[in-house]
Each structure stands twice: as structure tokens, then as C-alpha cells.
């Protein structure tokens, strides 16, 4: 039986303005250790802003989401416009503010956010193909907005949970390492750094979530 191949959607490079690097790398590691393959994707768009990660303050420069994501993928990345869900077994969205700034405007607009058109198309096409989707950290807000339904988690932040419910999804409160699986919708979510976490706790959650995605790929 061929190895399952996962598409991993990145949103830049760095927790405050792109993909959360540890979540992204741990995702790739978990897929590999579980016996799968992966291909990274990102939209070829400008970042909403650039943050100096030493100071936490905005930096006066511009960056491209695809180019920055290539840092995490070691250059092995494709533009999101080339994503075809038929060629993959699942779609995974790690977290980081890039999910809420670049892939969507959730960081600014909350439940009234817009979704990057390429990201919205990728999510809708994956669900239309009946393939599972995993989303970590803040990324489940994208699924809530695009789908308007589903059971998912971002941990225990009441403000974000309330906005998820406003968008039509059902939020489940969870703690470290926990995973929420919506079998009917084929959605797997885990909170990661939406909780105050150690990297080992984040790894536990991602590894458990990837196992659940594998179970949906190979029921």
C-alpha cells in the first residue's frame, strides 16, 4: 500500500506573522514518523505585516508568504494555486498568526473575517473530495469561517471560542495534548500554542492529531 501523502499549508515563517515554526516542523516530523509523505504549499501573496520577533514590534519591511514559507520547507514548496486535493490524502494547517493574518483576517476582524481566496478554495475542494483536514492552534478558525459548521478546538480561550461559535462551528474546550475529531466532517484539531505550552506538550498534541488523521485516511 502506498504511503499517504499530506498537503501542509503554511502561512509564512514565524509565530507573530507567519506559520508557528515549531508547530510546522513538528507536523512534518509527525507525518514522517507515522509513515506518511508530505508536500508543503503556501499562497503567493504579501504578508499582512512583518514582526521583529525579538521585540514583538512591527518591522518596516515587506515579505512574501510563499517565499517565507519556503524557509520552513527547505525550499521544497509549491504555490497554493497548484494544490489538487485528489493528489493528496489530507490537508493540514499548522498554526501561528499567519493563519489569522495572511490566510485570513481573523486577527483583525474576528468572526467577520475574510479568508484568502486560494486558502478558501483549497479547504472547500478538500472537503468536496471527502479528504480529512487537520488544523492546529488558531487555524481551526479558518475552518469555522469557510465551513460554518463542525466540532473543533482551539483550547480554552473564551474570546476565540465565542467567535468560532459565532461563525457556526461548535467549540470543545481542551487542554494539553488533547485532540478533537469530528468524524462526520473529517476534521481533526488540537490546541498547540493556543495554550501556554512546553514544546513537548505541543509535540504530543500534534502526534496524536496526525494519528487521528491517518485513521481517517485509512479507516
N, C-alpha and C. Protein backbone atom coordinates (compact mmCIF):
# COMPACT_ATOMS: atom_id res chain seq x y z
N UNK A 1 0.85 -1.20 0.00
CA UNK A 1 0.00 0.00 0.00
C UNK A 1 0.88 1.24 0.00
N UNK A 2 0.62 2.23 -0.90
CA UNK A 2 1.46 3.42 -0.92
C UNK A 2 1.29 4.25 0.34
N UNK A 3 2.33 5.00 0.66
CA UNK A 3 2.27 5.87 1.82
C UNK A 3 1.26 7.00 1.60
N UNK A 4 0.46 7.36 2.62
CA UNK A 4 -0.39 8.54 2.49
C UNK A 4 0.47 9.79 2.31
N UNK A 5 -0.01 10.71 1.50
CA UNK A 5 0.70 11.97 1.28
C UNK A 5 -0.18 13.12 1.73
N UNK A 6 0.39 13.96 2.60
CA UNK A 6 -0.36 15.06 3.19
C UNK A 6 0.10 16.38 2.58
N UNK A 7 -0.84 17.23 2.26
CA UNK A 7 -0.54 18.61 1.89
C UNK A 7 -0.51 19.44 3.17
N UNK A 8 0.55 20.21 3.37
CA UNK A 8 0.70 21.05 4.56
C UNK A 8 0.70 22.50 4.12
N UNK A 9 -0.31 23.25 4.58
CA UNK A 9 -0.49 24.63 4.16
C UNK A 9 0.18 25.58 5.15
N UNK A 10 1.24 26.24 4.70
CA UNK A 10 1.99 27.18 5.54
C UNK A 10 1.54 28.61 5.26
N UNK A 11 1.88 29.51 6.19
CA UNK A 11 1.40 30.90 6.11
C UNK A 11 2.50 31.91 6.35
N UNK A 12 3.74 31.53 6.06
CA UNK A 12 4.89 32.39 6.34
C UNK A 12 5.84 31.69 7.27
N UNK A 13 6.68 32.46 7.95
CA UNK A 13 7.71 31.86 8.80
C UNK A 13 7.91 32.69 10.05
N UNK A 14 7.30 32.24 11.15
CA UNK A 14 7.44 32.96 12.42
C UNK A 14 6.11 33.15 13.10
N UNK A 15 6.02 32.87 14.38
CA UNK A 15 4.75 32.81 15.09
C UNK A 15 3.94 34.10 14.98
N UNK A 16 4.57 35.26 14.97
CA UNK A 16 3.81 36.51 15.05
C UNK A 16 3.34 37.03 13.70
N UNK A 17 3.87 36.50 12.61
CA UNK A 17 3.44 36.99 11.29
C UNK A 17 3.37 35.89 10.24
N UNK A 18 3.54 34.64 10.65
CA UNK A 18 3.51 33.54 9.69
C UNK A 18 3.17 32.24 10.39
N UNK A 19 3.66 31.13 9.84
CA UNK A 19 3.46 29.83 10.49
C UNK A 19 4.27 29.76 11.78
N UNK A 20 3.68 29.13 12.81
CA UNK A 20 4.43 28.84 14.04
C UNK A 20 5.44 27.76 13.67
N UNK A 21 6.72 28.10 13.72
CA UNK A 21 7.75 27.23 13.17
C UNK A 21 7.79 25.88 13.86
N UNK A 22 7.71 25.86 15.18
CA UNK A 22 7.76 24.59 15.89
C UNK A 22 6.56 23.72 15.54
N UNK A 23 5.39 24.31 15.47
CA UNK A 23 4.21 23.53 15.07
C UNK A 23 4.36 22.98 13.66
N UNK A 24 4.88 23.79 12.76
CA UNK A 24 5.05 23.34 11.37
C UNK A 24 6.06 22.20 11.27
N UNK A 25 7.21 22.36 11.92
CA UNK A 25 8.24 21.33 11.84
C UNK A 25 7.79 20.06 12.54
N UNK A 26 7.15 20.19 13.70
CA UNK A 26 6.65 19.01 14.40
C UNK A 26 5.58 18.29 13.58
N UNK A 27 4.83 19.02 12.80
CA UNK A 27 3.85 18.40 11.92
C UNK A 27 4.52 17.55 10.85
N UNK A 28 5.54 18.11 10.22
CA UNK A 28 6.27 17.36 9.19
C UNK A 28 6.93 16.12 9.80
N UNK A 29 7.50 16.28 11.00
CA UNK A 29 8.14 15.15 11.68
C UNK A 29 7.12 14.07 12.02
N UNK A 30 5.96 14.48 12.53
CA UNK A 30 4.93 13.51 12.92
C UNK A 30 4.42 12.74 11.71
N UNK A 31 4.24 13.42 10.59
CA UNK A 31 3.79 12.75 9.36
C UNK A 31 4.83 11.71 8.94
N UNK A 32 6.09 12.12 8.94
CA UNK A 32 7.16 11.22 8.53
C UNK A 32 7.25 10.01 9.46
N UNK A 33 7.22 10.24 10.76
CA UNK A 33 7.35 9.14 11.71
C UNK A 33 6.14 8.21 11.70
N UNK A 34 5.00 8.74 11.28
CA UNK A 34 3.81 7.90 11.19
C UNK A 34 3.77 7.11 9.88
N UNK A 35 4.76 7.35 9.02
CA UNK A 35 4.83 6.58 7.78
C UNK A 35 4.22 7.25 6.58
N UNK A 36 4.08 8.57 6.64
CA UNK A 36 3.50 9.30 5.52
C UNK A 36 4.51 10.17 4.80
N UNK A 37 4.07 10.75 3.69
CA UNK A 37 4.82 11.75 2.95
C UNK A 37 4.10 13.09 3.07
N UNK A 38 4.80 14.15 2.75
CA UNK A 38 4.16 15.47 2.79
C UNK A 38 4.69 16.35 1.67
N UNK A 39 3.87 17.34 1.33
CA UNK A 39 4.25 18.39 0.39
C UNK A 39 3.74 19.71 0.96
N UNK A 40 4.62 20.69 1.09
CA UNK A 40 4.23 21.99 1.62
C UNK A 40 3.71 22.89 0.52
N UNK A 41 2.72 23.71 0.88
CA UNK A 41 2.13 24.70 -0.01
C UNK A 41 2.01 26.03 0.74
N UNK A 42 1.91 27.12 -0.01
CA UNK A 42 1.62 28.43 0.57
C UNK A 42 1.10 29.33 -0.54
N UNK A 43 0.25 30.29 -0.19
CA UNK A 43 -0.20 31.24 -1.21
C UNK A 43 0.90 32.23 -1.57
N UNK A 44 0.98 32.59 -2.82
CA UNK A 44 1.98 33.56 -3.29
C UNK A 44 1.41 34.96 -3.13
N UNK A 45 1.39 35.44 -1.88
CA UNK A 45 0.81 36.74 -1.54
C UNK A 45 1.73 37.47 -0.56
N UNK A 46 1.52 38.77 -0.42
CA UNK A 46 2.28 39.54 0.55
C UNK A 46 1.76 39.26 1.96
N UNK A 47 2.68 39.25 2.94
CA UNK A 47 2.27 39.17 4.33
C UNK A 47 1.49 40.41 4.71
N UNK A 48 0.56 40.25 5.65
CA UNK A 48 -0.19 41.41 6.12
C UNK A 48 0.72 42.40 6.83
N UNK A 49 1.68 41.89 7.60
CA UNK A 49 2.70 42.73 8.22
C UNK A 49 3.91 41.86 8.54
N UNK A 50 4.99 42.50 8.93
CA UNK A 50 6.21 41.80 9.32
C UNK A 50 6.53 42.21 10.75
N UNK A 51 6.85 41.23 11.60
CA UNK A 51 7.11 41.49 13.01
C UNK A 51 8.55 41.13 13.34
N UNK A 52 9.21 42.01 14.10
CA UNK A 52 10.52 41.70 14.67
C UNK A 52 10.28 40.75 15.84
N UNK A 53 10.70 39.50 15.69
CA UNK A 53 10.38 38.50 16.71
C UNK A 53 11.20 38.66 17.98
N UNK A 54 12.23 39.48 17.97
CA UNK A 54 12.97 39.78 19.20
C UNK A 54 12.23 40.78 20.06
N UNK A 55 11.63 41.79 19.41
CA UNK A 55 10.97 42.86 20.15
C UNK A 55 9.45 42.71 20.19
N UNK A 56 8.90 41.98 19.23
CA UNK A 56 7.45 41.87 19.12
C UNK A 56 6.82 43.05 18.43
N UNK A 57 7.64 43.98 17.94
CA UNK A 57 7.12 45.19 17.29
C UNK A 57 7.13 45.04 15.77
N UNK A 58 6.27 45.80 15.08
CA UNK A 58 6.27 45.74 13.61
C UNK A 58 7.61 46.19 13.04
N UNK A 59 7.98 45.55 11.94
CA UNK A 59 9.20 45.91 11.21
C UNK A 59 8.80 46.61 9.93
N UNK A 60 9.59 47.59 9.54
CA UNK A 60 9.28 48.38 8.35
C UNK A 60 9.85 47.70 7.11
N UNK A 61 9.23 46.58 6.72
CA UNK A 61 9.64 45.86 5.53
C UNK A 61 8.47 45.03 5.04
N UNK A 62 8.60 44.49 3.85
CA UNK A 62 7.57 43.62 3.30
C UNK A 62 8.16 42.24 3.01
N UNK A 63 7.32 41.24 3.12
CA UNK A 63 7.76 39.87 2.83
C UNK A 63 6.63 39.12 2.12
N UNK A 64 7.00 38.05 1.44
CA UNK A 64 6.07 37.23 0.68
C UNK A 64 5.80 35.92 1.42
N UNK A 65 4.55 35.51 1.51
CA UNK A 65 4.18 34.33 2.27
C UNK A 65 4.80 33.06 1.69
N UNK A 66 4.79 32.92 0.38
CA UNK A 66 5.36 31.73 -0.24
C UNK A 66 6.87 31.68 -0.04
N UNK A 67 7.53 32.79 -0.23
CA UNK A 67 8.99 32.85 -0.07
C UNK A 67 9.39 32.57 1.37
N UNK A 68 8.67 33.15 2.32
CA UNK A 68 8.99 32.92 3.73
C UNK A 68 8.69 31.48 4.15
N UNK A 69 7.60 30.92 3.65
CA UNK A 69 7.26 29.54 3.97
C UNK A 69 8.31 28.57 3.45
N UNK A 70 8.96 28.93 2.37
CA UNK A 70 10.00 28.08 1.79
C UNK A 70 11.15 27.86 2.76
N UNK A 71 11.34 28.77 3.71
CA UNK A 71 12.38 28.60 4.73
C UNK A 71 12.10 27.34 5.56
N UNK A 72 10.84 27.16 5.95
CA UNK A 72 10.46 26.00 6.76
C UNK A 72 10.54 24.73 5.93
N UNK A 73 10.11 24.83 4.67
CA UNK A 73 10.05 23.65 3.79
C UNK A 73 11.38 23.31 3.16
N UNK A 74 12.43 24.03 3.53
CA UNK A 74 13.76 23.82 2.93
C UNK A 74 13.70 23.93 1.41
N UNK A 75 12.85 24.85 0.96
CA UNK A 75 12.74 25.13 -0.48
C UNK A 75 11.78 24.22 -1.21
N UNK A 76 11.38 23.12 -0.61
CA UNK A 76 10.50 22.15 -1.28
C UNK A 76 9.05 22.56 -1.06
N UNK A 77 8.61 23.58 -1.78
CA UNK A 77 7.28 24.13 -1.57
C UNK A 77 6.66 24.48 -2.92
N UNK A 78 5.34 24.47 -2.95
CA UNK A 78 4.61 24.80 -4.17
C UNK A 78 3.62 25.92 -3.89
N UNK A 79 3.32 26.68 -4.92
CA UNK A 79 2.28 27.70 -4.80
C UNK A 79 0.94 27.03 -4.57
N UNK A 80 0.11 27.62 -3.72
CA UNK A 80 -1.16 27.01 -3.36
C UNK A 80 -2.08 26.86 -4.56
N UNK A 81 -1.91 27.67 -5.57
CA UNK A 81 -2.74 27.55 -6.78
C UNK A 81 -2.57 26.20 -7.46
N UNK A 82 -1.46 25.49 -7.18
CA UNK A 82 -1.22 24.19 -7.82
C UNK A 82 -1.78 23.03 -7.00
N UNK A 83 -2.37 23.31 -5.85
CA UNK A 83 -2.87 22.24 -4.97
C UNK A 83 -4.09 21.55 -5.59
N UNK A 84 -4.04 20.24 -5.67
CA UNK A 84 -5.15 19.42 -6.16
C UNK A 84 -5.46 18.38 -5.10
N UNK A 85 -6.59 18.47 -4.41
CA UNK A 85 -6.86 17.54 -3.31
C UNK A 85 -6.93 16.09 -3.76
N UNK A 86 -7.21 15.84 -5.02
CA UNK A 86 -7.28 14.47 -5.50
C UNK A 86 -5.92 13.79 -5.40
N UNK A 87 -4.85 14.58 -5.45
CA UNK A 87 -3.49 14.03 -5.41
C UNK A 87 -2.99 13.80 -3.99
N UNK A 88 -3.78 14.18 -2.98
CA UNK A 88 -3.34 14.08 -1.59
C UNK A 88 -4.39 13.37 -0.76
N UNK A 89 -3.96 12.86 0.38
CA UNK A 89 -4.85 12.13 1.27
C UNK A 89 -5.43 13.00 2.37
N UNK A 90 -4.82 14.14 2.65
CA UNK A 90 -5.31 15.03 3.71
C UNK A 90 -4.65 16.40 3.55
N UNK A 91 -5.28 17.39 4.16
CA UNK A 91 -4.74 18.75 4.20
C UNK A 91 -4.54 19.14 5.65
N UNK A 92 -3.35 19.69 5.97
CA UNK A 92 -3.02 20.08 7.34
C UNK A 92 -2.68 21.56 7.38
N UNK A 93 -3.24 22.27 8.38
CA UNK A 93 -2.97 23.69 8.58
C UNK A 93 -2.35 23.89 9.95
N UNK A 94 -1.02 24.03 10.05
CA UNK A 94 -0.42 24.41 11.34
C UNK A 94 -0.87 25.83 11.73
N UNK A 95 -0.56 26.20 12.98
CA UNK A 95 -1.00 27.49 13.46
C UNK A 95 0.03 28.59 13.28
N UNK A 96 -0.06 29.59 14.14
CA UNK A 96 0.74 30.81 14.00
C UNK A 96 -0.14 31.95 13.53
N UNK A 97 0.27 33.18 13.82
CA UNK A 97 -0.54 34.34 13.46
C UNK A 97 -0.72 34.48 11.95
N UNK A 98 0.16 33.82 11.17
CA UNK A 98 -0.03 33.87 9.72
C UNK A 98 -1.37 33.32 9.30
N UNK A 99 -1.88 32.32 10.03
CA UNK A 99 -3.20 31.78 9.72
C UNK A 99 -4.29 32.82 9.95
N UNK A 100 -4.07 33.70 10.92
CA UNK A 100 -5.07 34.71 11.27
C UNK A 100 -4.78 36.07 10.65
N UNK A 101 -3.64 36.19 9.95
CA UNK A 101 -3.30 37.45 9.29
C UNK A 101 -3.17 37.30 7.77
N UNK A 102 -2.57 36.20 7.33
CA UNK A 102 -2.28 36.01 5.92
C UNK A 102 -3.30 35.10 5.23
N UNK A 103 -3.62 33.99 5.88
CA UNK A 103 -4.61 33.08 5.31
C UNK A 103 -6.03 33.56 5.59
N UNK A 104 -6.17 34.46 6.54
CA UNK A 104 -7.46 35.07 6.86
C UNK A 104 -7.20 36.42 7.52
N UNK A 105 -8.29 37.13 7.81
CA UNK A 105 -8.16 38.40 8.55
C UNK A 105 -8.71 38.25 9.96
N UNK A 106 -8.71 37.02 10.50
CA UNK A 106 -9.31 36.78 11.80
C UNK A 106 -8.68 37.62 12.90
N UNK A 107 -7.37 37.85 12.83
CA UNK A 107 -6.69 38.63 13.87
C UNK A 107 -7.23 40.04 13.97
N UNK A 108 -7.74 40.55 12.86
CA UNK A 108 -8.27 41.92 12.82
C UNK A 108 -9.78 41.96 12.94
N UNK A 109 -10.46 41.01 12.30
CA UNK A 109 -11.90 41.11 12.11
C UNK A 109 -12.71 40.08 12.85
N UNK A 110 -12.06 39.15 13.54
CA UNK A 110 -12.80 38.16 14.31
C UNK A 110 -13.77 37.37 13.45
N UNK A 111 -14.99 37.19 13.95
CA UNK A 111 -15.99 36.39 13.25
C UNK A 111 -16.38 36.98 11.91
N UNK A 112 -16.11 38.26 11.70
CA UNK A 112 -16.42 38.91 10.42
C UNK A 112 -15.25 38.84 9.44
N UNK A 113 -14.31 37.96 9.70
CA UNK A 113 -13.09 37.90 8.90
C UNK A 113 -13.37 37.44 7.47
N UNK A 114 -12.42 37.76 6.61
CA UNK A 114 -12.40 37.21 5.26
C UNK A 114 -11.31 36.15 5.19
N UNK A 115 -11.41 35.28 4.21
CA UNK A 115 -10.43 34.21 4.01
C UNK A 115 -9.71 34.45 2.69
N UNK A 116 -8.39 34.28 2.70
CA UNK A 116 -7.64 34.35 1.45
C UNK A 116 -8.32 33.44 0.43
N UNK A 117 -8.61 33.94 -0.78
CA UNK A 117 -9.38 33.15 -1.75
C UNK A 117 -8.74 31.80 -2.08
N UNK A 118 -7.41 31.74 -2.20
CA UNK A 118 -6.75 30.47 -2.51
C UNK A 118 -6.91 29.48 -1.37
N UNK A 119 -6.81 29.98 -0.13
CA UNK A 119 -6.99 29.13 1.04
C UNK A 119 -8.42 28.62 1.13
N UNK A 120 -9.37 29.49 0.89
CA UNK A 120 -10.78 29.08 0.93
C UNK A 120 -11.05 28.00 -0.12
N UNK A 121 -10.53 28.19 -1.31
CA UNK A 121 -10.72 27.20 -2.37
C UNK A 121 -10.09 25.87 -2.00
N UNK A 122 -8.88 25.92 -1.39
CA UNK A 122 -8.19 24.67 -1.00
C UNK A 122 -9.01 23.90 0.03
N UNK A 123 -9.53 24.61 1.03
CA UNK A 123 -10.33 23.95 2.07
C UNK A 123 -11.62 23.38 1.48
N UNK A 124 -12.33 24.18 0.69
CA UNK A 124 -13.59 23.71 0.11
C UNK A 124 -13.36 22.51 -0.81
N UNK A 125 -12.31 22.57 -1.61
CA UNK A 125 -12.03 21.47 -2.54
C UNK A 125 -11.67 20.20 -1.79
N UNK A 126 -10.95 20.34 -0.68
CA UNK A 126 -10.59 19.16 0.12
C UNK A 126 -11.82 18.50 0.70
N UNK A 127 -12.73 19.30 1.22
CA UNK A 127 -13.95 18.73 1.77
C UNK A 127 -14.84 18.15 0.68
N UNK A 128 -14.89 18.80 -0.47
CA UNK A 128 -15.67 18.26 -1.58
C UNK A 128 -15.14 16.90 -2.02
N UNK A 129 -13.80 16.73 -1.89
CA UNK A 129 -13.17 15.46 -2.24
C UNK A 129 -13.26 14.44 -1.12
N UNK A 130 -13.91 14.83 0.00
CA UNK A 130 -14.09 13.96 1.17
C UNK A 130 -12.76 13.51 1.76
N UNK A 131 -11.79 14.43 1.76
CA UNK A 131 -10.50 14.17 2.37
C UNK A 131 -10.46 14.85 3.75
N UNK A 132 -9.77 14.27 4.73
CA UNK A 132 -9.70 14.89 6.06
C UNK A 132 -8.84 16.15 6.09
N UNK A 133 -9.16 17.01 7.03
CA UNK A 133 -8.41 18.24 7.25
C UNK A 133 -8.01 18.32 8.72
N UNK A 134 -6.73 18.57 8.98
CA UNK A 134 -6.25 18.82 10.33
C UNK A 134 -5.88 20.27 10.49
N UNK A 135 -6.22 20.85 11.62
CA UNK A 135 -5.91 22.26 11.87
C UNK A 135 -5.48 22.43 13.32
N UNK A 136 -4.34 23.09 13.52
CA UNK A 136 -3.77 23.24 14.85
C UNK A 136 -3.86 24.72 15.28
N UNK A 137 -3.84 24.91 16.61
CA UNK A 137 -3.68 26.25 17.19
C UNK A 137 -4.83 27.15 16.76
N UNK A 138 -4.56 28.28 16.10
CA UNK A 138 -5.59 29.23 15.69
C UNK A 138 -6.20 28.87 14.34
N UNK A 139 -5.60 27.93 13.61
CA UNK A 139 -6.08 27.59 12.27
C UNK A 139 -7.51 27.06 12.21
N UNK A 140 -8.03 26.41 13.25
CA UNK A 140 -9.44 25.99 13.16
C UNK A 140 -10.42 27.13 12.90
N UNK A 141 -10.02 28.36 13.20
CA UNK A 141 -10.93 29.48 12.89
C UNK A 141 -11.17 29.58 11.39
N UNK A 142 -10.18 29.19 10.58
CA UNK A 142 -10.36 29.20 9.13
C UNK A 142 -11.44 28.21 8.73
N UNK A 143 -11.40 27.02 9.32
CA UNK A 143 -12.40 26.00 9.00
C UNK A 143 -13.79 26.47 9.44
N UNK A 144 -13.87 27.09 10.62
CA UNK A 144 -15.15 27.58 11.11
C UNK A 144 -15.75 28.59 10.14
N UNK A 145 -14.91 29.49 9.62
CA UNK A 145 -15.41 30.53 8.71
C UNK A 145 -15.78 29.94 7.36
N UNK A 146 -14.94 29.09 6.82
CA UNK A 146 -15.19 28.55 5.48
C UNK A 146 -16.38 27.59 5.48
N UNK A 147 -16.49 26.73 6.50
CA UNK A 147 -17.50 25.69 6.50
C UNK A 147 -18.77 26.07 7.26
N UNK A 148 -18.63 26.96 8.25
CA UNK A 148 -19.79 27.37 9.03
C UNK A 148 -20.39 26.28 9.89
N UNK A 149 -19.62 25.22 10.15
CA UNK A 149 -20.09 24.12 10.98
C UNK A 149 -18.90 23.25 11.34
N UNK A 150 -19.15 22.22 12.14
CA UNK A 150 -18.08 21.31 12.55
C UNK A 150 -17.74 21.47 14.02
N UNK A 151 -17.22 20.39 14.60
CA UNK A 151 -16.78 20.36 16.00
C UNK A 151 -15.26 20.47 16.02
N UNK A 152 -14.74 21.45 16.77
CA UNK A 152 -13.30 21.68 16.76
C UNK A 152 -12.86 22.36 18.05
N UNK A 153 -11.53 22.53 18.17
CA UNK A 153 -10.98 23.15 19.39
C UNK A 153 -9.84 24.09 19.07
N UNK A 154 -9.72 25.13 19.88
CA UNK A 154 -8.52 25.96 19.92
C UNK A 154 -7.97 26.00 21.34
N UNK A 155 -8.48 25.10 22.18
CA UNK A 155 -8.03 25.07 23.57
C UNK A 155 -9.10 25.56 24.51
N UNK A 156 -8.81 26.65 25.24
CA UNK A 156 -9.78 27.12 26.22
C UNK A 156 -9.93 28.64 26.25
N UNK A 157 -9.46 29.33 25.20
CA UNK A 157 -9.59 30.79 25.17
C UNK A 157 -11.04 31.18 24.92
N UNK A 158 -11.70 31.83 25.88
CA UNK A 158 -13.14 32.07 25.73
C UNK A 158 -13.48 33.03 24.60
N UNK A 159 -12.65 34.05 24.37
CA UNK A 159 -12.94 35.00 23.31
C UNK A 159 -12.91 34.36 21.93
N UNK A 160 -11.87 33.57 21.68
CA UNK A 160 -11.76 32.90 20.38
C UNK A 160 -12.84 31.85 20.23
N UNK A 161 -13.12 31.12 21.30
CA UNK A 161 -14.17 30.10 21.25
C UNK A 161 -15.52 30.73 20.91
N UNK A 162 -15.79 31.89 21.50
CA UNK A 162 -17.05 32.58 21.22
C UNK A 162 -17.15 32.96 19.74
N UNK A 163 -16.05 33.43 19.17
CA UNK A 163 -16.06 33.82 17.76
C UNK A 163 -16.24 32.60 16.85
N UNK A 164 -15.67 31.47 17.24
CA UNK A 164 -15.86 30.23 16.48
C UNK A 164 -17.33 29.85 16.47
N UNK A 165 -17.98 29.98 17.62
CA UNK A 165 -19.41 29.67 17.70
C UNK A 165 -20.22 30.65 16.86
N UNK A 166 -19.82 31.92 16.84
CA UNK A 166 -20.49 32.91 16.01
C UNK A 166 -20.44 32.54 14.53
N UNK A 167 -19.34 31.91 14.12
CA UNK A 167 -19.17 31.53 12.72
C UNK A 167 -19.89 30.23 12.38
N UNK A 168 -20.53 29.60 13.37
CA UNK A 168 -21.38 28.46 13.10
C UNK A 168 -20.82 27.12 13.52
N UNK A 169 -19.56 27.06 13.95
CA UNK A 169 -18.97 25.80 14.39
C UNK A 169 -19.21 25.60 15.89
N UNK A 170 -18.91 24.41 16.37
CA UNK A 170 -19.06 24.07 17.78
C UNK A 170 -17.68 23.94 18.40
N UNK A 171 -17.41 24.70 19.46
CA UNK A 171 -16.11 24.64 20.10
C UNK A 171 -16.12 23.70 21.29
N UNK A 172 -15.03 22.92 21.43
CA UNK A 172 -14.85 22.00 22.55
C UNK A 172 -13.63 22.45 23.35
N UNK A 173 -13.79 22.67 24.63
CA UNK A 173 -12.68 23.08 25.49
C UNK A 173 -11.74 21.89 25.69
N UNK A 174 -10.44 22.13 25.49
CA UNK A 174 -9.45 21.07 25.66
C UNK A 174 -8.21 21.60 26.37
N UNK A 175 -7.37 20.67 26.80
CA UNK A 175 -6.10 21.02 27.42
C UNK A 175 -4.96 20.38 26.63
N UNK A 176 -3.77 20.38 27.20
CA UNK A 176 -2.56 19.96 26.51
C UNK A 176 -2.66 18.55 25.94
N UNK A 177 -2.25 18.42 24.69
CA UNK A 177 -2.18 17.12 24.05
C UNK A 177 -3.50 16.56 23.59
N UNK A 178 -4.60 17.27 23.86
CA UNK A 178 -5.92 16.75 23.50
C UNK A 178 -6.21 16.98 22.02
N UNK A 179 -7.04 16.12 21.48
CA UNK A 179 -7.44 16.19 20.08
C UNK A 179 -8.96 16.08 19.99
N UNK A 180 -9.55 16.88 19.14
CA UNK A 180 -10.98 16.78 18.87
C UNK A 180 -11.16 16.29 17.44
N UNK A 181 -11.94 15.23 17.28
CA UNK A 181 -12.18 14.64 15.97
C UNK A 181 -13.67 14.75 15.65
N UNK A 182 -13.99 15.41 14.55
CA UNK A 182 -15.34 15.42 14.02
C UNK A 182 -15.35 14.39 12.90
N UNK A 183 -15.80 13.18 13.22
CA UNK A 183 -15.72 12.08 12.26
C UNK A 183 -16.57 12.35 11.02
N UNK A 184 -17.75 12.90 11.22
CA UNK A 184 -18.64 13.15 10.10
C UNK A 184 -18.04 14.18 9.14
N UNK A 185 -17.47 15.25 9.70
CA UNK A 185 -16.88 16.30 8.88
C UNK A 185 -15.45 15.97 8.46
N UNK A 186 -14.84 14.97 9.12
CA UNK A 186 -13.46 14.56 8.85
C UNK A 186 -12.49 15.70 9.19
N UNK A 187 -12.72 16.32 10.35
CA UNK A 187 -11.90 17.41 10.87
C UNK A 187 -11.19 16.92 12.12
N UNK A 188 -9.88 17.22 12.21
CA UNK A 188 -9.08 16.91 13.40
C UNK A 188 -8.41 18.19 13.86
N UNK A 189 -8.58 18.55 15.13
CA UNK A 189 -7.99 19.78 15.65
C UNK A 189 -7.31 19.53 16.99
N UNK A 190 -6.29 20.35 17.28
CA UNK A 190 -5.58 20.28 18.56
C UNK A 190 -5.07 21.68 18.89
N UNK A 191 -5.01 22.07 20.18
CA UNK A 191 -4.75 23.48 20.52
C UNK A 191 -3.31 23.96 20.40
N UNK A 192 -2.32 23.09 20.60
CA UNK A 192 -0.91 23.51 20.50
C UNK A 192 -0.64 24.79 21.31
N UNK A 193 -0.04 25.80 20.66
CA UNK A 193 0.37 27.00 21.39
C UNK A 193 -0.77 28.00 21.64
N UNK A 194 -2.01 27.62 21.36
CA UNK A 194 -3.11 28.44 21.86
C UNK A 194 -3.21 28.31 23.38
N UNK A 195 -2.60 27.25 23.90
CA UNK A 195 -2.42 27.10 25.35
C UNK A 195 -0.99 27.48 25.71
N UNK A 196 -0.77 27.88 26.92
CA UNK A 196 0.59 28.10 27.43
C UNK A 196 1.24 26.73 27.53
N UNK A 197 2.16 26.44 26.63
CA UNK A 197 2.63 25.06 26.46
C UNK A 197 4.13 24.95 26.41
N UNK A 198 4.64 23.79 26.80
CA UNK A 198 6.01 23.40 26.51
C UNK A 198 6.03 22.73 25.15
N UNK A 199 7.17 22.73 24.50
CA UNK A 199 7.26 22.16 23.16
C UNK A 199 6.89 20.67 23.17
N UNK A 200 7.22 19.97 24.25
CA UNK A 200 6.85 18.57 24.34
C UNK A 200 5.35 18.35 24.36
N UNK A 201 4.63 19.26 25.01
CA UNK A 201 3.17 19.17 25.05
C UNK A 201 2.58 19.43 23.67
N UNK A 202 3.19 20.38 22.95
CA UNK A 202 2.76 20.65 21.58
C UNK A 202 3.00 19.44 20.69
N UNK A 203 4.18 18.83 20.84
CA UNK A 203 4.50 17.62 20.07
C UNK A 203 3.51 16.51 20.36
N UNK A 204 3.14 16.33 21.62
CA UNK A 204 2.17 15.29 21.98
C UNK A 204 0.85 15.50 21.24
N UNK A 205 0.39 16.74 21.23
CA UNK A 205 -0.89 17.03 20.57
C UNK A 205 -0.82 16.81 19.07
N UNK A 206 0.26 17.26 18.45
CA UNK A 206 0.39 17.10 17.00
C UNK A 206 0.53 15.63 16.62
N UNK A 207 1.33 14.88 17.37
CA UNK A 207 1.47 13.45 17.07
C UNK A 207 0.13 12.73 17.20
N UNK A 208 -0.63 13.06 18.23
CA UNK A 208 -1.94 12.43 18.41
C UNK A 208 -2.89 12.83 17.29
N UNK A 209 -2.83 14.11 16.89
CA UNK A 209 -3.70 14.58 15.82
C UNK A 209 -3.36 13.92 14.48
N UNK A 210 -2.08 13.78 14.19
CA UNK A 210 -1.69 13.12 12.95
C UNK A 210 -2.13 11.65 12.94
N UNK A 211 -2.05 10.98 14.09
CA UNK A 211 -2.55 9.61 14.17
C UNK A 211 -4.04 9.55 13.84
N UNK A 212 -4.79 10.53 14.33
CA UNK A 212 -6.23 10.56 14.04
C UNK A 212 -6.48 10.83 12.57
N UNK A 213 -5.70 11.72 11.96
CA UNK A 213 -5.85 11.96 10.53
C UNK A 213 -5.56 10.69 9.74
N UNK A 214 -4.50 9.99 10.13
CA UNK A 214 -4.18 8.71 9.48
C UNK A 214 -5.35 7.73 9.59
N UNK A 215 -6.01 7.72 10.73
CA UNK A 215 -7.14 6.79 10.91
C UNK A 215 -8.30 7.15 9.99
N UNK A 216 -8.45 8.42 9.68
CA UNK A 216 -9.49 8.84 8.74
C UNK A 216 -9.10 8.55 7.29
N UNK A 217 -7.79 8.61 7.03
CA UNK A 217 -7.31 8.27 5.70
C UNK A 217 -7.43 6.78 5.47
N UNK A 218 -7.13 5.99 6.51
CA UNK A 218 -7.16 4.52 6.42
C UNK A 218 -8.12 3.98 7.48
N UNK A 219 -9.41 4.09 7.24
CA UNK A 219 -10.39 3.65 8.25
C UNK A 219 -10.35 2.14 8.45
